[in-house]
N, C-alpha and C. Protein backbone atom coordinates (compact mmCIF):
# COMPACT_ATOMS: atom_id res chain seq x y z
N MET A 1 181.97 -22.49 68.63
CA MET A 1 183.33 -22.97 68.51
C MET A 1 184.23 -21.76 68.29
N SER A 2 185.29 -21.66 69.08
CA SER A 2 186.18 -20.50 69.00
C SER A 2 187.06 -20.57 67.76
N VAL A 3 187.58 -19.44 67.37
CA VAL A 3 188.45 -19.36 66.20
C VAL A 3 189.71 -20.19 66.42
N LEU A 4 190.29 -20.13 67.60
CA LEU A 4 191.51 -20.91 67.86
C LEU A 4 191.25 -22.40 67.80
N PHE A 5 190.14 -22.83 68.35
CA PHE A 5 189.82 -24.26 68.30
C PHE A 5 189.56 -24.70 66.86
N THR A 6 188.88 -23.87 66.09
CA THR A 6 188.63 -24.17 64.68
C THR A 6 189.95 -24.32 63.93
N ILE A 7 190.87 -23.40 64.14
CA ILE A 7 192.18 -23.47 63.50
C ILE A 7 192.91 -24.74 63.94
N PHE A 8 192.80 -25.08 65.20
CA PHE A 8 193.45 -26.27 65.73
C PHE A 8 192.92 -27.54 65.07
N VAL A 9 191.61 -27.71 64.99
CA VAL A 9 191.06 -28.96 64.43
C VAL A 9 191.31 -29.05 62.92
N ILE A 10 191.23 -27.92 62.22
CA ILE A 10 191.58 -27.94 60.79
C ILE A 10 193.05 -28.31 60.63
N GLY A 11 193.90 -27.79 61.51
CA GLY A 11 195.33 -28.10 61.48
C GLY A 11 195.62 -29.57 61.70
N ILE A 12 194.87 -30.22 62.57
CA ILE A 12 195.05 -31.66 62.78
C ILE A 12 194.76 -32.41 61.49
N GLY A 13 193.63 -32.10 60.87
CA GLY A 13 193.29 -32.75 59.60
C GLY A 13 194.31 -32.43 58.52
N ALA A 14 194.75 -31.19 58.47
CA ALA A 14 195.74 -30.78 57.47
C ALA A 14 197.06 -31.51 57.66
N THR A 15 197.46 -31.71 58.89
CA THR A 15 198.70 -32.43 59.16
C THR A 15 198.60 -33.87 58.65
N ILE A 16 197.48 -34.50 58.91
CA ILE A 16 197.29 -35.88 58.44
C ILE A 16 197.25 -35.91 56.91
N GLY A 17 196.49 -35.02 56.30
CA GLY A 17 196.37 -34.99 54.84
C GLY A 17 197.69 -34.69 54.15
N ALA A 18 198.43 -33.72 54.65
CA ALA A 18 199.73 -33.37 54.05
C ALA A 18 200.73 -34.51 54.21
N SER A 19 200.69 -35.17 55.35
CA SER A 19 201.58 -36.32 55.57
C SER A 19 201.23 -37.46 54.62
N MET A 20 199.94 -37.71 54.45
CA MET A 20 199.52 -38.74 53.50
C MET A 20 199.99 -38.39 52.09
N ARG A 21 199.82 -37.12 51.70
CA ARG A 21 200.24 -36.69 50.37
C ARG A 21 201.74 -36.89 50.19
N TYR A 22 202.50 -36.51 51.18
CA TYR A 22 203.95 -36.62 51.09
C TYR A 22 204.37 -38.09 50.90
N TYR A 23 203.86 -38.97 51.73
CA TYR A 23 204.29 -40.37 51.66
C TYR A 23 203.75 -41.08 50.43
N LEU A 24 202.54 -40.76 50.00
CA LEU A 24 202.03 -41.33 48.75
C LEU A 24 202.85 -40.85 47.56
N THR A 25 203.21 -39.58 47.57
CA THR A 25 204.05 -39.03 46.50
C THR A 25 205.42 -39.69 46.47
N GLN A 26 206.01 -39.87 47.64
CA GLN A 26 207.32 -40.53 47.72
C GLN A 26 207.23 -41.96 47.21
N LEU A 27 206.20 -42.67 47.59
CA LEU A 27 206.00 -44.06 47.15
C LEU A 27 205.85 -44.12 45.64
N MET A 28 205.02 -43.25 45.09
CA MET A 28 204.81 -43.27 43.64
C MET A 28 206.06 -42.85 42.87
N ASN A 29 206.78 -41.87 43.39
CA ASN A 29 208.00 -41.43 42.71
C ASN A 29 209.06 -42.52 42.72
N ALA A 30 209.06 -43.34 43.76
CA ALA A 30 210.03 -44.44 43.85
C ALA A 30 209.67 -45.59 42.91
N THR A 31 208.38 -45.75 42.63
CA THR A 31 207.96 -46.87 41.79
C THR A 31 207.76 -46.49 40.33
N LEU A 32 207.40 -45.24 40.07
CA LEU A 32 207.21 -44.78 38.69
C LEU A 32 208.30 -43.78 38.34
N ILE A 33 209.07 -44.11 37.36
CA ILE A 33 210.11 -43.18 36.92
C ILE A 33 209.60 -42.55 35.63
N SER A 34 209.20 -41.30 35.73
CA SER A 34 208.61 -40.61 34.59
C SER A 34 208.79 -39.11 34.77
N ASP A 35 208.82 -38.40 33.65
CA ASP A 35 208.86 -36.94 33.71
C ASP A 35 207.48 -36.36 33.99
N PHE A 36 206.45 -37.16 33.77
CA PHE A 36 205.08 -36.70 34.00
C PHE A 36 204.76 -36.83 35.49
N PRO A 37 204.14 -35.83 36.09
CA PRO A 37 203.86 -35.85 37.54
C PRO A 37 202.65 -36.71 37.92
N TYR A 38 202.81 -38.02 37.74
CA TYR A 38 201.73 -38.95 38.08
C TYR A 38 201.40 -38.93 39.56
N SER A 39 202.38 -38.67 40.40
CA SER A 39 202.11 -38.69 41.84
C SER A 39 201.15 -37.57 42.24
N THR A 40 201.31 -36.39 41.68
CA THR A 40 200.38 -35.30 41.97
C THR A 40 198.99 -35.63 41.44
N LEU A 41 198.94 -36.20 40.26
CA LEU A 41 197.66 -36.61 39.69
C LEU A 41 196.98 -37.64 40.60
N ALA A 42 197.74 -38.61 41.08
CA ALA A 42 197.17 -39.67 41.93
C ALA A 42 196.64 -39.12 43.25
N VAL A 43 197.39 -38.24 43.91
CA VAL A 43 196.90 -37.73 45.20
C VAL A 43 195.69 -36.81 44.99
N ASN A 44 195.65 -36.09 43.87
CA ASN A 44 194.49 -35.25 43.61
C ASN A 44 193.25 -36.09 43.34
N ILE A 45 193.40 -37.17 42.59
CA ILE A 45 192.27 -38.06 42.33
C ILE A 45 191.83 -38.75 43.62
N LEU A 46 192.77 -39.28 44.37
CA LEU A 46 192.44 -39.95 45.63
C LEU A 46 191.77 -39.00 46.62
N GLY A 47 192.34 -37.82 46.78
CA GLY A 47 191.77 -36.84 47.70
C GLY A 47 190.39 -36.38 47.27
N SER A 48 190.18 -36.22 45.97
CA SER A 48 188.87 -35.82 45.46
C SER A 48 187.84 -36.92 45.66
N PHE A 49 188.24 -38.16 45.43
CA PHE A 49 187.35 -39.30 45.66
C PHE A 49 186.96 -39.37 47.14
N LEU A 50 187.95 -39.24 48.00
CA LEU A 50 187.70 -39.26 49.44
C LEU A 50 186.78 -38.11 49.85
N ALA A 51 186.99 -36.93 49.27
CA ALA A 51 186.14 -35.79 49.56
C ALA A 51 184.70 -36.07 49.16
N GLY A 52 184.50 -36.70 48.01
CA GLY A 52 183.15 -37.04 47.57
C GLY A 52 182.44 -37.97 48.54
N ILE A 53 183.15 -38.98 49.01
CA ILE A 53 182.58 -39.91 49.99
C ILE A 53 182.31 -39.19 51.31
N LEU A 54 183.27 -38.40 51.76
CA LEU A 54 183.11 -37.71 53.04
C LEU A 54 181.97 -36.69 53.02
N VAL A 55 181.78 -36.03 51.90
CA VAL A 55 180.68 -35.07 51.79
C VAL A 55 179.35 -35.77 52.05
N VAL A 56 179.19 -36.94 51.46
CA VAL A 56 177.94 -37.69 51.65
C VAL A 56 177.81 -38.12 53.11
N ILE A 57 178.87 -38.70 53.64
CA ILE A 57 178.82 -39.20 55.02
C ILE A 57 178.61 -38.06 56.00
N ILE A 58 179.40 -37.01 55.87
CA ILE A 58 179.41 -35.95 56.87
C ILE A 58 178.23 -34.98 56.72
N LEU A 59 177.93 -34.60 55.51
CA LEU A 59 176.89 -33.58 55.32
C LEU A 59 175.49 -34.16 55.14
N GLU A 60 175.40 -35.38 54.64
CA GLU A 60 174.07 -35.94 54.37
C GLU A 60 173.64 -37.02 55.34
N ARG A 61 174.56 -37.73 55.96
CA ARG A 61 174.18 -38.88 56.76
C ARG A 61 174.51 -38.77 58.24
N ALA A 62 175.72 -38.43 58.53
CA ALA A 62 176.17 -38.44 59.93
C ALA A 62 175.86 -37.11 60.61
N THR A 63 175.70 -37.16 61.89
CA THR A 63 175.53 -35.93 62.66
C THR A 63 176.79 -35.72 63.48
N LEU A 64 177.83 -35.30 62.78
CA LEU A 64 179.11 -35.04 63.42
C LEU A 64 179.17 -33.62 63.92
N HIS A 65 179.93 -33.44 64.95
CA HIS A 65 180.22 -32.10 65.46
C HIS A 65 180.93 -31.31 64.37
N GLU A 66 180.69 -30.01 64.33
CA GLU A 66 181.29 -29.17 63.30
C GLU A 66 182.81 -29.28 63.26
N ALA A 67 183.43 -29.50 64.40
CA ALA A 67 184.89 -29.62 64.45
C ALA A 67 185.37 -30.80 63.60
N TYR A 68 184.67 -31.91 63.67
CA TYR A 68 185.05 -33.09 62.87
C TYR A 68 184.82 -32.85 61.39
N ARG A 69 183.73 -32.18 61.06
CA ARG A 69 183.47 -31.85 59.66
C ARG A 69 184.60 -30.99 59.09
N LEU A 70 184.99 -29.97 59.84
CA LEU A 70 186.07 -29.09 59.40
C LEU A 70 187.39 -29.84 59.29
N MET A 71 187.66 -30.69 60.27
CA MET A 71 188.91 -31.44 60.28
C MET A 71 189.01 -32.35 59.05
N LEU A 72 187.93 -33.04 58.72
CA LEU A 72 187.96 -34.01 57.63
C LEU A 72 187.83 -33.36 56.25
N LEU A 73 186.87 -32.47 56.09
CA LEU A 73 186.62 -31.90 54.76
C LEU A 73 187.60 -30.81 54.37
N ILE A 74 187.89 -29.92 55.29
CA ILE A 74 188.81 -28.82 54.96
C ILE A 74 190.26 -29.22 55.22
N GLY A 75 190.51 -29.73 56.42
CA GLY A 75 191.88 -30.08 56.78
C GLY A 75 192.44 -31.26 56.00
N LEU A 76 191.80 -32.42 56.16
CA LEU A 76 192.33 -33.66 55.57
C LEU A 76 192.31 -33.63 54.05
N THR A 77 191.12 -33.50 53.46
CA THR A 77 191.06 -33.58 51.99
C THR A 77 191.64 -32.33 51.33
N GLY A 78 191.56 -31.20 52.03
CA GLY A 78 192.14 -29.98 51.47
C GLY A 78 193.65 -30.03 51.36
N SER A 79 194.30 -30.69 52.29
CA SER A 79 195.76 -30.75 52.21
C SER A 79 196.25 -32.04 51.56
N LEU A 80 195.38 -33.03 51.42
CA LEU A 80 195.75 -34.23 50.66
C LEU A 80 195.82 -33.88 49.17
N THR A 81 194.86 -33.11 48.70
CA THR A 81 194.90 -32.65 47.32
C THR A 81 195.82 -31.44 47.24
N THR A 82 196.33 -31.15 46.05
CA THR A 82 197.32 -30.09 45.98
C THR A 82 197.24 -29.30 44.67
N MET A 83 196.53 -28.21 44.72
CA MET A 83 196.45 -27.31 43.58
C MET A 83 197.76 -26.58 43.36
N SER A 84 198.46 -26.26 44.43
CA SER A 84 199.71 -25.51 44.28
C SER A 84 200.78 -26.33 43.56
N THR A 85 200.86 -27.62 43.86
CA THR A 85 201.85 -28.46 43.17
C THR A 85 201.47 -28.65 41.72
N LEU A 86 200.19 -28.85 41.45
CA LEU A 86 199.71 -28.93 40.07
C LEU A 86 200.11 -27.67 39.31
N SER A 87 199.88 -26.52 39.91
CA SER A 87 200.20 -25.25 39.25
C SER A 87 201.70 -25.13 39.00
N TRP A 88 202.50 -25.42 40.01
CA TRP A 88 203.95 -25.30 39.87
C TRP A 88 204.48 -26.24 38.80
N GLU A 89 204.05 -27.50 38.84
CA GLU A 89 204.55 -28.47 37.86
C GLU A 89 204.13 -28.08 36.44
N SER A 90 202.94 -27.55 36.30
CA SER A 90 202.47 -27.13 34.97
C SER A 90 203.25 -25.92 34.47
N ILE A 91 203.48 -24.95 35.33
CA ILE A 91 204.27 -23.77 34.94
C ILE A 91 205.70 -24.17 34.60
N GLU A 92 206.25 -25.10 35.35
CA GLU A 92 207.60 -25.59 35.07
C GLU A 92 207.65 -26.25 33.69
N MET A 93 206.65 -27.07 33.36
CA MET A 93 206.59 -27.70 32.03
C MET A 93 206.52 -26.65 30.94
N ILE A 94 205.67 -25.64 31.16
CA ILE A 94 205.53 -24.57 30.17
C ILE A 94 206.85 -23.83 29.99
N SER A 95 207.54 -23.57 31.09
CA SER A 95 208.81 -22.83 30.99
C SER A 95 209.88 -23.62 30.23
N PHE A 96 209.77 -24.95 30.20
CA PHE A 96 210.71 -25.77 29.44
C PHE A 96 210.21 -26.07 28.02
N GLY A 97 209.05 -25.50 27.68
CA GLY A 97 208.52 -25.67 26.34
C GLY A 97 207.66 -26.90 26.14
N TYR A 98 207.30 -27.58 27.20
CA TYR A 98 206.46 -28.78 27.11
C TYR A 98 204.98 -28.39 27.24
N TYR A 99 204.49 -27.67 26.26
CA TYR A 99 203.14 -27.12 26.32
C TYR A 99 202.07 -28.21 26.31
N GLY A 100 202.25 -29.19 25.46
CA GLY A 100 201.28 -30.29 25.39
C GLY A 100 201.22 -31.08 26.68
N GLN A 101 202.39 -31.35 27.25
CA GLN A 101 202.44 -32.09 28.51
C GLN A 101 201.81 -31.28 29.64
N ALA A 102 202.04 -29.98 29.65
CA ALA A 102 201.43 -29.12 30.67
C ALA A 102 199.91 -29.10 30.51
N GLY A 103 199.45 -28.97 29.29
CA GLY A 103 198.01 -28.97 29.04
C GLY A 103 197.37 -30.29 29.43
N LEU A 104 198.03 -31.38 29.11
CA LEU A 104 197.53 -32.70 29.49
C LEU A 104 197.50 -32.85 31.01
N ASN A 105 198.52 -32.35 31.67
CA ASN A 105 198.59 -32.41 33.13
C ASN A 105 197.41 -31.66 33.75
N ILE A 106 197.16 -30.47 33.29
CA ILE A 106 196.06 -29.66 33.82
C ILE A 106 194.72 -30.34 33.53
N LEU A 107 194.54 -30.76 32.29
CA LEU A 107 193.28 -31.40 31.89
C LEU A 107 193.01 -32.66 32.69
N LEU A 108 194.01 -33.53 32.81
CA LEU A 108 193.83 -34.78 33.56
C LEU A 108 193.51 -34.51 35.03
N ASN A 109 194.24 -33.59 35.64
CA ASN A 109 194.00 -33.29 37.05
C ASN A 109 192.59 -32.76 37.29
N VAL A 110 192.16 -31.83 36.46
CA VAL A 110 190.84 -31.24 36.66
C VAL A 110 189.74 -32.25 36.35
N VAL A 111 189.79 -32.86 35.19
CA VAL A 111 188.72 -33.77 34.77
C VAL A 111 188.65 -35.01 35.66
N LEU A 112 189.80 -35.64 35.90
CA LEU A 112 189.78 -36.87 36.70
C LEU A 112 189.46 -36.60 38.17
N SER A 113 189.87 -35.46 38.69
CA SER A 113 189.52 -35.12 40.08
C SER A 113 188.03 -34.86 40.21
N LEU A 114 187.45 -34.15 39.25
CA LEU A 114 186.00 -33.93 39.28
C LEU A 114 185.25 -35.25 39.14
N LEU A 115 185.72 -36.10 38.24
CA LEU A 115 185.11 -37.41 38.06
C LEU A 115 185.21 -38.24 39.33
N ALA A 116 186.37 -38.22 39.97
CA ALA A 116 186.57 -38.98 41.21
C ALA A 116 185.65 -38.47 42.32
N THR A 117 185.48 -37.17 42.41
CA THR A 117 184.56 -36.62 43.41
C THR A 117 183.14 -37.10 43.14
N GLY A 118 182.73 -37.03 41.90
CA GLY A 118 181.39 -37.49 41.53
C GLY A 118 181.18 -38.96 41.83
N ILE A 119 182.16 -39.78 41.51
CA ILE A 119 182.08 -41.21 41.80
C ILE A 119 182.03 -41.44 43.31
N GLY A 120 182.81 -40.69 44.05
CA GLY A 120 182.78 -40.80 45.51
C GLY A 120 181.41 -40.48 46.07
N VAL A 121 180.79 -39.43 45.56
CA VAL A 121 179.44 -39.05 46.00
C VAL A 121 178.45 -40.16 45.65
N ILE A 122 178.50 -40.66 44.42
CA ILE A 122 177.57 -41.71 43.98
C ILE A 122 177.76 -42.97 44.82
N LEU A 123 179.00 -43.40 45.01
CA LEU A 123 179.25 -44.60 45.80
C LEU A 123 178.86 -44.39 47.26
N GLY A 124 179.15 -43.21 47.79
CA GLY A 124 178.76 -42.91 49.16
C GLY A 124 177.26 -43.00 49.35
N ARG A 125 176.53 -42.45 48.43
CA ARG A 125 175.06 -42.49 48.51
C ARG A 125 174.54 -43.91 48.31
N TYR A 126 175.13 -44.64 47.39
CA TYR A 126 174.68 -46.00 47.10
C TYR A 126 174.89 -46.91 48.31
N PHE A 127 176.08 -46.87 48.88
CA PHE A 127 176.40 -47.78 49.97
C PHE A 127 175.77 -47.35 51.29
N LEU A 128 175.49 -46.08 51.46
CA LEU A 128 174.88 -45.62 52.69
C LEU A 128 173.36 -45.76 52.68
N ILE A 129 172.79 -45.80 51.51
CA ILE A 129 171.34 -45.98 51.42
C ILE A 129 170.99 -47.46 51.57
N SER A 130 171.85 -48.33 51.05
CA SER A 130 171.57 -49.79 51.09
C SER A 130 171.52 -50.31 52.49
């Protein structure tokens, strides 16, 4: 697979993932009015859960072409989740003196995203083995 084709297929997945993140964030911001960045937390948890399921399907069960694996795992879930927004929102909280809120934001994003990935892997294995 050529470098340009690899970039292209990852870009397709990234476009879908970033678009999903944007619209999910907009939806959550419209429904939840809060100073806490719940929308970033939600997309990180959702993307991590999806990554856990996809890892099982793509790497353990399905025989997909490498292009599809890259598109889904790197492109889609990589751009659906957002470390940069988590970092920016946390630094912004710290700069305004909201240290506890920043710490809670970081802790929740890391712990719940890891937990979601683990649950995705477990559910993926459970439902694919049955």
